[in-house]
Amino acid sequence: MKSTAHYTVTNQHGFSLIESLVAIVIMALGILGILGMQMRTLNNTQTSLYRSQAIRLIEDFSERMSTAPNALLNLKNYASAWDADVVAGKNCSSAACNNSEIAAYDLAQWKTSVHDSLPAGQANIFLAPGETVDANRRQIGVMIAWRENEASQADNYKAPINAATDGGNNVSCPDEHTCHLQYITVTARCAPYFAGSSTQLFCPGS
């Protein structure tokens, strides 16, 4: 006579569902972490591109000054505050201009390039501190500001930038902006020489 074995089947209540939900949550957290890192990398790359563009714009401004006659002794003509309206009285590409007219024309053209090249781009051009005698000036400060996608400025690479001017005041980076500061050493297109109590320039070929 054969004996019949009886097995007791224990029913499982929801264990597979809970395990699946835990796995989904862990996977979702991992995906969110990866997306966060990618967004941070993308933002840092964008900031680097904007900063590179700001450096190129400052180089362009430096070249404009180096090709302008007598720019070295007329640095005050290039000083311009944030969002200052610069109106070019003449189109110096097709008409003869004096020093102040060339400075206004170059400023108007350059500030338009800053505005068009960077998001909410603007620039502040100021006389370097420590150079109080006009005939002895050699540098001019340029600070370019632009807006980032992030509203917070708490990150270290977005820390506010301040620069002193020759008047003792500070040029500060505007709120909610990222800035790049650089000083330009202005070269003389014409050689200065002293005639009595005034400084004049000798320009070859002029």
N, C-alpha and C. Protein backbone atom coordinates (compact mmCIF):
# COMPACT_ATOMS: atom_id res chain seq x y z
N MET A 1 0.86 -1.18 0.00
CA MET A 1 0.00 0.00 0.00
C MET A 1 0.90 1.23 0.00
N LYS A 2 0.65 2.06 -0.91
CA LYS A 2 1.45 3.27 -1.04
C LYS A 2 0.88 4.37 -0.15
N SER A 3 1.85 5.07 0.47
CA SER A 3 1.41 6.20 1.29
C SER A 3 1.42 7.48 0.46
N THR A 4 0.52 8.27 0.72
CA THR A 4 0.39 9.53 -0.02
C THR A 4 0.97 10.66 0.80
N ALA A 5 1.96 11.35 0.22
CA ALA A 5 2.59 12.48 0.94
C ALA A 5 1.76 13.73 0.75
N HIS A 6 1.55 14.44 1.79
CA HIS A 6 0.78 15.69 1.73
C HIS A 6 1.73 16.87 1.93
N TYR A 7 1.71 17.82 1.01
CA TYR A 7 2.55 19.01 1.08
C TYR A 7 1.69 20.23 1.35
N THR A 8 2.20 21.02 2.23
CA THR A 8 1.47 22.26 2.56
C THR A 8 2.06 23.40 1.73
N VAL A 9 1.27 24.05 0.95
CA VAL A 9 1.70 25.16 0.10
C VAL A 9 1.45 26.46 0.83
N THR A 10 2.54 27.20 1.03
CA THR A 10 2.42 28.50 1.70
C THR A 10 2.27 29.59 0.65
N ASN A 11 1.21 30.31 0.73
CA ASN A 11 0.94 31.38 -0.23
C ASN A 11 1.79 32.61 0.10
N GLN A 12 2.41 33.22 -0.94
CA GLN A 12 3.16 34.46 -0.77
C GLN A 12 2.27 35.64 -1.11
N HIS A 13 2.30 36.64 -0.26
CA HIS A 13 1.42 37.79 -0.43
C HIS A 13 2.23 39.04 -0.77
N GLY A 14 2.46 39.34 -2.05
CA GLY A 14 3.02 40.62 -2.48
C GLY A 14 4.52 40.77 -2.38
N PHE A 15 5.28 39.77 -2.08
CA PHE A 15 6.73 39.92 -1.95
C PHE A 15 7.36 40.28 -3.29
N SER A 16 6.97 39.64 -4.37
CA SER A 16 7.54 39.94 -5.69
C SER A 16 7.23 41.36 -6.11
N LEU A 17 6.06 41.87 -5.80
CA LEU A 17 5.68 43.23 -6.15
C LEU A 17 6.53 44.25 -5.38
N ILE A 18 6.75 44.00 -4.09
CA ILE A 18 7.57 44.92 -3.29
C ILE A 18 8.99 44.96 -3.80
N GLU A 19 9.55 43.79 -4.10
CA GLU A 19 10.91 43.75 -4.63
C GLU A 19 11.02 44.51 -5.94
N SER A 20 10.02 44.37 -6.79
CA SER A 20 10.03 45.09 -8.08
C SER A 20 9.97 46.59 -7.86
N LEU A 21 9.13 47.03 -6.91
CA LEU A 21 9.02 48.47 -6.64
C LEU A 21 10.33 49.03 -6.09
N VAL A 22 10.99 48.28 -5.20
CA VAL A 22 12.28 48.73 -4.66
C VAL A 22 13.31 48.85 -5.77
N ALA A 23 13.34 47.87 -6.68
CA ALA A 23 14.29 47.91 -7.79
C ALA A 23 14.03 49.11 -8.70
N ILE A 24 12.74 49.40 -8.93
CA ILE A 24 12.38 50.55 -9.78
C ILE A 24 12.81 51.85 -9.13
N VAL A 25 12.60 51.96 -7.81
CA VAL A 25 12.98 53.19 -7.11
C VAL A 25 14.49 53.38 -7.17
N ILE A 26 15.26 52.31 -6.93
CA ILE A 26 16.72 52.41 -6.97
C ILE A 26 17.19 52.79 -8.37
N MET A 27 16.58 52.20 -9.41
CA MET A 27 16.94 52.53 -10.78
C MET A 27 16.61 53.98 -11.10
N ALA A 28 15.44 54.45 -10.63
CA ALA A 28 15.04 55.84 -10.89
C ALA A 28 16.01 56.81 -10.23
N LEU A 29 16.43 56.51 -8.99
CA LEU A 29 17.40 57.38 -8.31
C LEU A 29 18.73 57.41 -9.06
N GLY A 30 19.17 56.27 -9.57
CA GLY A 30 20.40 56.22 -10.34
C GLY A 30 20.31 57.05 -11.61
N ILE A 31 19.16 56.93 -12.30
CA ILE A 31 18.98 57.69 -13.54
C ILE A 31 18.95 59.19 -13.24
N LEU A 32 18.26 59.59 -12.15
CA LEU A 32 18.22 61.01 -11.79
C LEU A 32 19.61 61.53 -11.45
N GLY A 33 20.42 60.70 -10.78
CA GLY A 33 21.79 61.12 -10.47
C GLY A 33 22.62 61.33 -11.73
N ILE A 34 22.47 60.42 -12.69
CA ILE A 34 23.20 60.56 -13.95
C ILE A 34 22.76 61.80 -14.71
N LEU A 35 21.43 62.04 -14.73
CA LEU A 35 20.93 63.23 -15.41
C LEU A 35 21.42 64.51 -14.73
N GLY A 36 21.48 64.49 -13.38
CA GLY A 36 21.99 65.66 -12.67
C GLY A 36 23.43 65.94 -13.02
N MET A 37 24.25 64.90 -13.10
CA MET A 37 25.66 65.08 -13.47
C MET A 37 25.79 65.59 -14.90
N GLN A 38 24.96 65.09 -15.80
CA GLN A 38 25.01 65.55 -17.18
C GLN A 38 24.60 67.02 -17.29
N MET A 39 23.56 67.41 -16.53
CA MET A 39 23.12 68.80 -16.56
C MET A 39 24.21 69.72 -16.00
N ARG A 40 24.88 69.29 -14.92
CA ARG A 40 25.95 70.09 -14.35
C ARG A 40 27.11 70.21 -15.34
N THR A 41 27.45 69.12 -15.99
CA THR A 41 28.53 69.15 -16.98
C THR A 41 28.17 70.07 -18.14
N LEU A 42 26.91 69.99 -18.59
CA LEU A 42 26.46 70.86 -19.68
C LEU A 42 26.51 72.31 -19.27
N ASN A 43 26.11 72.63 -18.03
CA ASN A 43 26.12 74.00 -17.57
C ASN A 43 27.56 74.52 -17.47
N ASN A 44 28.48 73.69 -16.95
CA ASN A 44 29.88 74.11 -16.86
C ASN A 44 30.48 74.33 -18.25
N THR A 45 30.11 73.47 -19.20
CA THR A 45 30.60 73.64 -20.56
C THR A 45 30.08 74.93 -21.17
N GLN A 46 28.79 75.24 -20.91
CA GLN A 46 28.22 76.47 -21.44
C GLN A 46 28.89 77.69 -20.83
N THR A 47 29.17 77.64 -19.52
CA THR A 47 29.87 78.74 -18.88
C THR A 47 31.26 78.94 -19.47
N SER A 48 31.96 77.85 -19.75
CA SER A 48 33.29 77.94 -20.37
C SER A 48 33.21 78.56 -21.75
N LEU A 49 32.18 78.20 -22.51
CA LEU A 49 32.02 78.78 -23.85
C LEU A 49 31.75 80.28 -23.76
N TYR A 50 30.89 80.68 -22.82
CA TYR A 50 30.61 82.11 -22.65
C TYR A 50 31.87 82.87 -22.22
N ARG A 51 32.65 82.26 -21.33
CA ARG A 51 33.87 82.93 -20.87
C ARG A 51 34.88 83.05 -22.01
N SER A 52 34.98 82.02 -22.83
CA SER A 52 35.87 82.09 -24.00
C SER A 52 35.42 83.19 -24.96
N GLN A 53 34.11 83.32 -25.12
CA GLN A 53 33.59 84.38 -25.99
C GLN A 53 33.90 85.75 -25.40
N ALA A 54 33.80 85.89 -24.08
CA ALA A 54 34.13 87.16 -23.43
C ALA A 54 35.60 87.51 -23.64
N ILE A 55 36.47 86.52 -23.55
CA ILE A 55 37.90 86.76 -23.77
C ILE A 55 38.14 87.20 -25.21
N ARG A 56 37.46 86.57 -26.16
CA ARG A 56 37.63 86.97 -27.57
C ARG A 56 37.12 88.40 -27.79
N LEU A 57 36.04 88.76 -27.11
CA LEU A 57 35.51 90.12 -27.26
C LEU A 57 36.50 91.14 -26.70
N ILE A 58 37.13 90.83 -25.58
CA ILE A 58 38.12 91.75 -25.01
C ILE A 58 39.34 91.86 -25.93
N GLU A 59 39.74 90.76 -26.53
CA GLU A 59 40.83 90.81 -27.50
C GLU A 59 40.46 91.70 -28.69
N ASP A 60 39.22 91.61 -29.13
CA ASP A 60 38.76 92.46 -30.23
C ASP A 60 38.81 93.94 -29.83
N PHE A 61 38.39 94.22 -28.58
CA PHE A 61 38.44 95.61 -28.11
C PHE A 61 39.88 96.10 -28.03
N SER A 62 40.77 95.24 -27.57
CA SER A 62 42.19 95.61 -27.50
C SER A 62 42.75 95.92 -28.89
N GLU A 63 42.36 95.13 -29.89
CA GLU A 63 42.83 95.38 -31.25
C GLU A 63 42.27 96.68 -31.79
N ARG A 64 41.02 96.98 -31.44
CA ARG A 64 40.44 98.26 -31.89
C ARG A 64 41.24 99.43 -31.31
N MET A 65 41.62 99.33 -30.03
CA MET A 65 42.37 100.42 -29.42
C MET A 65 43.79 100.53 -29.99
N SER A 66 44.39 99.38 -30.29
CA SER A 66 45.76 99.41 -30.80
C SER A 66 45.83 99.99 -32.20
N THR A 67 44.73 99.93 -32.95
CA THR A 67 44.73 100.49 -34.30
C THR A 67 44.22 101.92 -34.35
N ALA A 68 43.72 102.43 -33.21
CA ALA A 68 43.21 103.80 -33.18
C ALA A 68 44.36 104.77 -32.92
N PRO A 69 44.49 105.82 -33.70
CA PRO A 69 45.56 106.79 -33.46
C PRO A 69 45.38 107.49 -32.12
N ASN A 70 46.47 107.59 -31.36
CA ASN A 70 46.48 108.34 -30.11
C ASN A 70 45.56 107.78 -29.04
N ALA A 71 45.18 106.52 -29.12
CA ALA A 71 44.31 105.93 -28.10
C ALA A 71 44.97 105.90 -26.74
N LEU A 72 46.29 105.75 -26.71
CA LEU A 72 47.00 105.64 -25.44
C LEU A 72 46.85 106.90 -24.60
N LEU A 73 46.87 108.07 -25.23
CA LEU A 73 46.75 109.32 -24.49
C LEU A 73 45.31 109.80 -24.38
N ASN A 74 44.37 108.99 -24.82
CA ASN A 74 42.96 109.37 -24.76
C ASN A 74 42.12 108.22 -24.18
N LEU A 75 42.65 107.58 -23.15
CA LEU A 75 41.95 106.43 -22.58
C LEU A 75 40.60 106.81 -21.97
N LYS A 76 40.48 108.05 -21.50
CA LYS A 76 39.20 108.48 -20.90
C LYS A 76 38.06 108.43 -21.91
N ASN A 77 38.40 108.55 -23.19
CA ASN A 77 37.35 108.50 -24.22
C ASN A 77 36.71 107.11 -24.32
N TYR A 78 37.39 106.10 -23.77
CA TYR A 78 36.90 104.73 -23.88
C TYR A 78 36.19 104.25 -22.61
N ALA A 79 36.22 105.04 -21.54
CA ALA A 79 35.54 104.65 -20.31
C ALA A 79 34.03 104.65 -20.53
N SER A 80 33.38 103.59 -20.06
CA SER A 80 31.93 103.44 -20.29
C SER A 80 31.35 102.54 -19.21
N ALA A 81 30.25 102.98 -18.58
CA ALA A 81 29.63 102.22 -17.50
C ALA A 81 28.73 101.12 -18.05
N TRP A 82 28.17 100.32 -17.12
CA TRP A 82 27.24 99.26 -17.52
C TRP A 82 26.07 99.85 -18.30
N ASP A 83 25.75 99.23 -19.40
CA ASP A 83 24.57 99.59 -20.20
C ASP A 83 24.54 101.06 -20.61
N ALA A 84 25.69 101.71 -20.60
CA ALA A 84 25.72 103.11 -21.04
C ALA A 84 25.48 103.18 -22.54
N ASP A 85 24.59 104.08 -22.92
CA ASP A 85 24.28 104.25 -24.34
C ASP A 85 25.44 104.98 -25.02
N VAL A 86 26.05 104.34 -25.98
CA VAL A 86 27.14 104.94 -26.73
C VAL A 86 26.66 105.19 -28.15
N VAL A 87 26.63 106.43 -28.52
CA VAL A 87 26.14 106.81 -29.85
C VAL A 87 27.33 107.25 -30.70
N ALA A 88 27.51 106.59 -31.80
CA ALA A 88 28.58 106.96 -32.73
C ALA A 88 28.10 108.13 -33.57
N GLY A 89 28.77 109.27 -33.40
CA GLY A 89 28.35 110.44 -34.15
C GLY A 89 28.64 110.31 -35.63
N LYS A 90 29.71 109.58 -35.98
CA LYS A 90 30.09 109.40 -37.37
C LYS A 90 30.36 107.93 -37.65
N ASN A 91 30.21 107.57 -38.88
CA ASN A 91 30.63 106.24 -39.32
C ASN A 91 32.09 106.35 -39.75
N CYS A 92 32.99 106.01 -38.83
CA CYS A 92 34.41 106.23 -39.08
C CYS A 92 35.00 105.26 -40.09
N SER A 93 34.21 104.30 -40.53
CA SER A 93 34.70 103.41 -41.58
C SER A 93 34.61 104.08 -42.96
N SER A 94 33.83 105.16 -43.05
CA SER A 94 33.67 105.83 -44.35
C SER A 94 33.89 107.33 -44.26
N ALA A 95 34.21 107.86 -43.07
CA ALA A 95 34.41 109.30 -42.92
C ALA A 95 35.60 109.55 -42.01
N ALA A 96 36.25 110.69 -42.17
CA ALA A 96 37.37 111.06 -41.32
C ALA A 96 36.87 111.43 -39.93
N CYS A 97 37.54 110.91 -38.89
CA CYS A 97 37.10 111.14 -37.51
C CYS A 97 38.29 111.56 -36.66
N ASN A 98 38.00 112.34 -35.62
CA ASN A 98 39.04 112.69 -34.67
C ASN A 98 39.10 111.62 -33.58
N ASN A 99 39.94 111.83 -32.55
CA ASN A 99 40.15 110.80 -31.53
C ASN A 99 38.87 110.44 -30.79
N SER A 100 38.11 111.43 -30.35
CA SER A 100 36.89 111.16 -29.59
C SER A 100 35.84 110.49 -30.46
N GLU A 101 35.75 110.86 -31.73
CA GLU A 101 34.77 110.24 -32.63
C GLU A 101 35.13 108.78 -32.92
N ILE A 102 36.44 108.50 -33.06
CA ILE A 102 36.87 107.11 -33.26
C ILE A 102 36.55 106.27 -32.04
N ALA A 103 36.79 106.84 -30.84
CA ALA A 103 36.49 106.11 -29.61
C ALA A 103 35.00 105.81 -29.51
N ALA A 104 34.15 106.80 -29.82
CA ALA A 104 32.70 106.59 -29.74
C ALA A 104 32.24 105.55 -30.76
N TYR A 105 32.82 105.60 -31.95
CA TYR A 105 32.45 104.63 -32.99
C TYR A 105 32.86 103.22 -32.59
N ASP A 106 34.09 103.06 -32.09
CA ASP A 106 34.56 101.73 -31.68
C ASP A 106 33.75 101.20 -30.50
N LEU A 107 33.43 102.07 -29.55
CA LEU A 107 32.64 101.65 -28.40
C LEU A 107 31.25 101.19 -28.81
N ALA A 108 30.61 101.95 -29.69
CA ALA A 108 29.26 101.59 -30.13
C ALA A 108 29.26 100.25 -30.86
N GLN A 109 30.24 100.06 -31.74
CA GLN A 109 30.32 98.81 -32.47
C GLN A 109 30.62 97.64 -31.53
N TRP A 110 31.55 97.86 -30.60
CA TRP A 110 31.97 96.77 -29.73
C TRP A 110 30.89 96.39 -28.72
N LYS A 111 30.24 97.38 -28.13
CA LYS A 111 29.19 97.07 -27.15
C LYS A 111 28.02 96.36 -27.81
N THR A 112 27.75 96.68 -29.06
CA THR A 112 26.72 95.94 -29.79
C THR A 112 27.13 94.49 -29.96
N SER A 113 28.41 94.24 -30.23
CA SER A 113 28.91 92.86 -30.36
C SER A 113 28.77 92.11 -29.03
N VAL A 114 29.06 92.78 -27.91
CA VAL A 114 28.92 92.14 -26.60
C VAL A 114 27.48 91.76 -26.35
N HIS A 115 26.56 92.66 -26.65
CA HIS A 115 25.14 92.40 -26.44
C HIS A 115 24.64 91.27 -27.31
N ASP A 116 25.15 91.18 -28.54
CA ASP A 116 24.68 90.16 -29.48
C ASP A 116 25.36 88.80 -29.26
N SER A 117 26.54 88.79 -28.67
CA SER A 117 27.31 87.55 -28.55
C SER A 117 27.03 86.79 -27.26
N LEU A 118 26.57 87.48 -26.21
CA LEU A 118 26.35 86.85 -24.92
C LEU A 118 24.93 87.12 -24.45
N PRO A 119 24.32 86.19 -23.71
CA PRO A 119 22.96 86.42 -23.21
C PRO A 119 22.92 87.57 -22.21
N ALA A 120 22.15 88.61 -22.56
CA ALA A 120 22.09 89.83 -21.73
C ALA A 120 23.48 90.39 -21.49
N GLY A 121 24.33 90.33 -22.51
CA GLY A 121 25.71 90.77 -22.38
C GLY A 121 25.84 92.27 -22.23
N GLN A 122 26.72 92.70 -21.36
CA GLN A 122 27.02 94.11 -21.18
C GLN A 122 28.46 94.24 -20.70
N ALA A 123 28.99 95.45 -20.78
CA ALA A 123 30.40 95.65 -20.45
C ALA A 123 30.59 96.95 -19.71
N ASN A 124 31.61 96.97 -18.86
CA ASN A 124 32.03 98.16 -18.13
C ASN A 124 33.51 98.37 -18.40
N ILE A 125 33.86 99.53 -18.91
CA ILE A 125 35.24 99.86 -19.23
C ILE A 125 35.66 101.01 -18.32
N PHE A 126 36.76 100.82 -17.60
CA PHE A 126 37.16 101.80 -16.59
C PHE A 126 38.67 101.97 -16.59
N LEU A 127 39.10 103.11 -16.08
CA LEU A 127 40.52 103.42 -16.00
C LEU A 127 41.14 102.63 -14.85
N ALA A 128 42.30 102.06 -15.09
CA ALA A 128 42.96 101.22 -14.08
C ALA A 128 43.41 102.07 -12.90
N PRO A 129 43.30 101.50 -11.68
CA PRO A 129 43.74 102.24 -10.49
C PRO A 129 45.26 102.37 -10.46
N GLY A 130 45.73 103.38 -9.77
CA GLY A 130 47.16 103.57 -9.64
C GLY A 130 47.78 104.38 -10.75
N GLU A 131 47.03 104.63 -11.80
CA GLU A 131 47.53 105.44 -12.92
C GLU A 131 46.70 106.71 -12.98
N THR A 132 47.12 107.70 -12.25
CA THR A 132 46.33 108.91 -12.10
C THR A 132 46.76 110.03 -13.04
N VAL A 133 47.95 109.88 -13.64
CA VAL A 133 48.43 110.90 -14.58
C VAL A 133 48.09 110.44 -15.99
N ASP A 134 47.34 111.26 -16.70
CA ASP A 134 46.86 110.86 -18.02
C ASP A 134 48.01 110.48 -18.96
N ALA A 135 49.11 111.23 -18.89
CA ALA A 135 50.23 110.97 -19.80
C ALA A 135 50.95 109.67 -19.46
N ASN A 136 50.72 109.13 -18.25
CA ASN A 136 51.43 107.92 -17.83
C ASN A 136 50.54 106.68 -17.83
N ARG A 137 49.32 106.80 -18.30
CA ARG A 137 48.42 105.65 -18.27
C ARG A 137 48.87 104.61 -19.30
N ARG A 138 48.76 103.34 -18.89
CA ARG A 138 49.14 102.25 -19.78
C ARG A 138 48.07 101.15 -19.86
N GLN A 139 47.13 101.15 -18.90
CA GLN A 139 46.15 100.07 -18.85
C GLN A 139 44.74 100.60 -18.73
N ILE A 140 43.81 99.75 -19.17
CA ILE A 140 42.39 100.04 -19.01
C ILE A 140 41.70 98.73 -18.64
N GLY A 141 40.76 98.80 -17.71
CA GLY A 141 40.07 97.60 -17.25
C GLY A 141 38.78 97.35 -18.02
N VAL A 142 38.50 96.09 -18.30
CA VAL A 142 37.28 95.70 -19.00
C VAL A 142 36.62 94.56 -18.22
N MET A 143 35.36 94.75 -17.84
CA MET A 143 34.59 93.69 -17.19
C MET A 143 33.35 93.41 -18.03
N ILE A 144 33.20 92.17 -18.45
CA ILE A 144 32.04 91.76 -19.25
C ILE A 144 31.14 90.89 -18.39
N ALA A 145 29.83 91.14 -18.45
CA ALA A 145 28.85 90.39 -17.66
C ALA A 145 27.83 89.76 -18.59
N TRP A 146 27.36 88.58 -18.18
CA TRP A 146 26.29 87.90 -18.93
C TRP A 146 25.45 87.07 -17.98
N ARG A 147 24.27 86.68 -18.41
CA ARG A 147 23.37 85.89 -17.58
C ARG A 147 23.57 84.41 -17.84
N GLU A 148 23.47 83.63 -16.75
CA GLU A 148 23.51 82.18 -16.85
C GLU A 148 22.08 81.65 -16.79
N ASN A 149 21.93 80.36 -17.12
CA ASN A 149 20.62 79.75 -17.03
C ASN A 149 20.16 79.60 -15.59
N GLU A 150 21.11 79.38 -14.69
CA GLU A 150 20.77 79.22 -13.29
C GLU A 150 20.59 80.58 -12.63
N ALA A 151 19.59 80.67 -11.77
CA ALA A 151 19.32 81.93 -11.09
C ALA A 151 20.26 82.13 -9.91
N SER A 152 20.74 81.04 -9.30
CA SER A 152 21.56 81.14 -8.10
C SER A 152 22.99 81.50 -8.48
N GLN A 153 23.60 82.34 -7.68
CA GLN A 153 24.99 82.72 -7.88
C GLN A 153 25.86 82.20 -6.74
N ALA A 154 25.41 81.12 -6.10
CA ALA A 154 26.10 80.62 -4.91
C ALA A 154 27.36 79.83 -5.25
N ASP A 155 27.48 79.35 -6.49
CA ASP A 155 28.64 78.54 -6.84
C ASP A 155 29.91 79.38 -6.81
N ASN A 156 31.01 78.72 -6.50
CA ASN A 156 32.26 79.46 -6.34
C ASN A 156 32.70 80.12 -7.63
N TYR A 157 32.49 79.45 -8.79
CA TYR A 157 32.97 80.03 -10.04
C TYR A 157 32.10 81.21 -10.47
N LYS A 158 30.98 81.44 -9.75
CA LYS A 158 30.15 82.59 -10.03
C LYS A 158 30.26 83.65 -8.94
N ALA A 159 31.29 83.56 -8.12
CA ALA A 159 31.44 84.51 -7.03
C ALA A 159 31.56 85.93 -7.59
N PRO A 160 30.98 86.92 -6.89
CA PRO A 160 31.02 88.29 -7.39
C PRO A 160 32.44 88.79 -7.59
N ILE A 161 32.63 89.59 -8.64
CA ILE A 161 33.94 90.15 -8.95
C ILE A 161 33.87 91.66 -8.74
N ASN A 162 34.85 92.20 -8.05
CA ASN A 162 34.94 93.63 -7.84
C ASN A 162 36.30 94.10 -8.34
N ALA A 163 36.31 95.28 -8.93
CA ALA A 163 37.56 95.86 -9.41
C ALA A 163 37.58 97.34 -9.06
N ALA A 164 38.70 97.81 -8.55
CA ALA A 164 38.83 99.21 -8.18
C ALA A 164 39.12 100.04 -9.42
N THR A 165 38.65 101.27 -9.42
CA THR A 165 38.94 102.21 -10.50
C THR A 165 39.92 103.26 -9.98
N ASP A 166 40.35 104.12 -10.88
CA ASP A 166 41.32 105.12 -10.47
C ASP A 166 40.71 106.17 -9.57
N GLY A 167 39.39 106.23 -9.53
CA GLY A 167 38.72 107.18 -8.65
C GLY A 167 38.44 106.64 -7.27
N GLY A 168 38.86 105.42 -6.98
CA GLY A 168 38.62 104.83 -5.68
C GLY A 168 37.33 104.05 -5.59
N ASN A 169 36.51 104.11 -6.61
CA ASN A 169 35.25 103.38 -6.60
C ASN A 169 35.48 101.94 -7.07
N ASN A 170 34.47 101.11 -6.89
CA ASN A 170 34.56 99.72 -7.30
C ASN A 170 33.59 99.45 -8.44
N VAL A 171 34.05 98.70 -9.42
CA VAL A 171 33.18 98.19 -10.47
C VAL A 171 32.80 96.77 -10.07
N SER A 172 31.53 96.53 -9.78
CA SER A 172 31.08 95.25 -9.29
C SER A 172 30.30 94.51 -10.36
N CYS A 173 30.41 93.19 -10.31
CA CYS A 173 29.64 92.35 -11.22
C CYS A 173 28.16 92.49 -10.87
N PRO A 174 27.29 92.75 -11.83
CA PRO A 174 25.85 92.89 -11.53
C PRO A 174 25.28 91.63 -10.90
N ASP A 175 24.24 91.80 -10.11
CA ASP A 175 23.58 90.66 -9.48
C ASP A 175 23.04 89.70 -10.53
N GLU A 176 23.09 88.41 -10.19
CA GLU A 176 22.58 87.33 -11.05
C GLU A 176 23.29 87.28 -12.40
N HIS A 177 24.53 87.72 -12.43
CA HIS A 177 25.34 87.66 -13.65
C HIS A 177 26.65 86.93 -13.36
N THR A 178 27.25 86.42 -14.40
CA THR A 178 28.61 85.91 -14.35
C THR A 178 29.51 86.90 -15.09
N CYS A 179 30.70 87.16 -14.55
CA CYS A 179 31.55 88.21 -15.11
C CYS A 179 32.96 87.69 -15.40
N HIS A 180 33.59 88.37 -16.33
CA HIS A 180 35.00 88.13 -16.63
C HIS A 180 35.70 89.49 -16.63
N LEU A 181 36.78 89.58 -15.85
CA LEU A 181 37.54 90.83 -15.71
C LEU A 181 38.92 90.66 -16.32
N GLN A 182 39.33 91.67 -17.07
CA GLN A 182 40.66 91.62 -17.68
C GLN A 182 41.17 93.05 -17.86
N TYR A 183 42.47 93.22 -17.67
CA TYR A 183 43.11 94.52 -17.90
C TYR A 183 43.87 94.47 -19.22
N ILE A 184 43.73 95.53 -19.99
CA ILE A 184 44.36 95.62 -21.30
C ILE A 184 45.53 96.59 -21.21
N THR A 185 46.66 96.15 -21.67
CA THR A 185 47.81 97.05 -21.81
C THR A 185 47.73 97.69 -23.19
N VAL A 186 47.53 98.98 -23.20
CA VAL A 186 47.32 99.70 -24.46
C VAL A 186 48.67 100.05 -25.06
N THR A 187 48.85 99.69 -26.29
CA THR A 187 50.10 100.01 -27.00
C THR A 187 49.93 101.29 -27.80
N ALA A 188 51.02 101.96 -28.00
CA ALA A 188 50.99 103.23 -28.72
C ALA A 188 51.20 102.99 -30.21
N ARG A 189 50.24 103.42 -30.99
CA ARG A 189 50.43 103.37 -32.44
C ARG A 189 51.37 104.47 -32.86
N CYS A 190 51.32 105.59 -32.13
CA CYS A 190 52.20 106.72 -32.40
C CYS A 190 53.15 106.90 -31.21
N ALA A 191 54.37 107.32 -31.47
CA ALA A 191 55.37 107.47 -30.42
C ALA A 191 55.20 108.82 -29.73
N PRO A 192 55.06 108.83 -28.37
CA PRO A 192 54.92 110.12 -27.67
C PRO A 192 56.27 110.81 -27.49
N TYR A 193 56.24 112.12 -27.50
CA TYR A 193 57.43 112.89 -27.16
C TYR A 193 56.96 114.15 -26.46
N PHE A 194 57.84 114.73 -25.66
CA PHE A 194 57.48 115.88 -24.85
C PHE A 194 57.92 117.16 -25.54
N ALA A 195 56.97 118.07 -25.65
CA ALA A 195 57.25 119.36 -26.26
C ALA A 195 56.82 120.44 -25.27
N GLY A 196 57.77 120.97 -24.53
CA GLY A 196 57.43 121.95 -23.51
C GLY A 196 56.69 121.29 -22.36
N SER A 197 55.51 121.81 -22.05
CA SER A 197 54.72 121.28 -20.93
C SER A 197 53.65 120.29 -21.38
N SER A 198 53.57 120.00 -22.65
CA SER A 198 52.53 119.11 -23.17
C SER A 198 53.18 117.89 -23.84
N THR A 199 52.40 116.83 -23.89
CA THR A 199 52.86 115.61 -24.55
C THR A 199 52.19 115.51 -25.92
N GLN A 200 53.01 115.32 -26.94
CA GLN A 200 52.49 115.18 -28.29
C GLN A 200 52.92 113.83 -28.85
N LEU A 201 52.33 113.46 -29.95
CA LEU A 201 52.62 112.18 -30.55
C LEU A 201 53.17 112.37 -31.95
N PHE A 202 54.17 111.55 -32.26
CA PHE A 202 54.70 111.54 -33.62
C PHE A 202 54.21 110.26 -34.29
N CYS A 203 53.43 110.43 -35.33
CA CYS A 203 52.84 109.29 -36.04
C CYS A 203 53.51 109.17 -37.41
N PRO A 204 54.26 108.12 -37.64
CA PRO A 204 54.93 107.96 -38.93
C PRO A 204 53.92 107.91 -40.07
N GLY A 205 54.20 108.66 -41.11
CA GLY A 205 53.32 108.65 -42.28
C GLY A 205 52.15 109.57 -42.18
N SER A 206 51.99 110.28 -41.03
CA SER A 206 50.84 111.17 -40.88
C SER A 206 51.26 112.61 -41.15
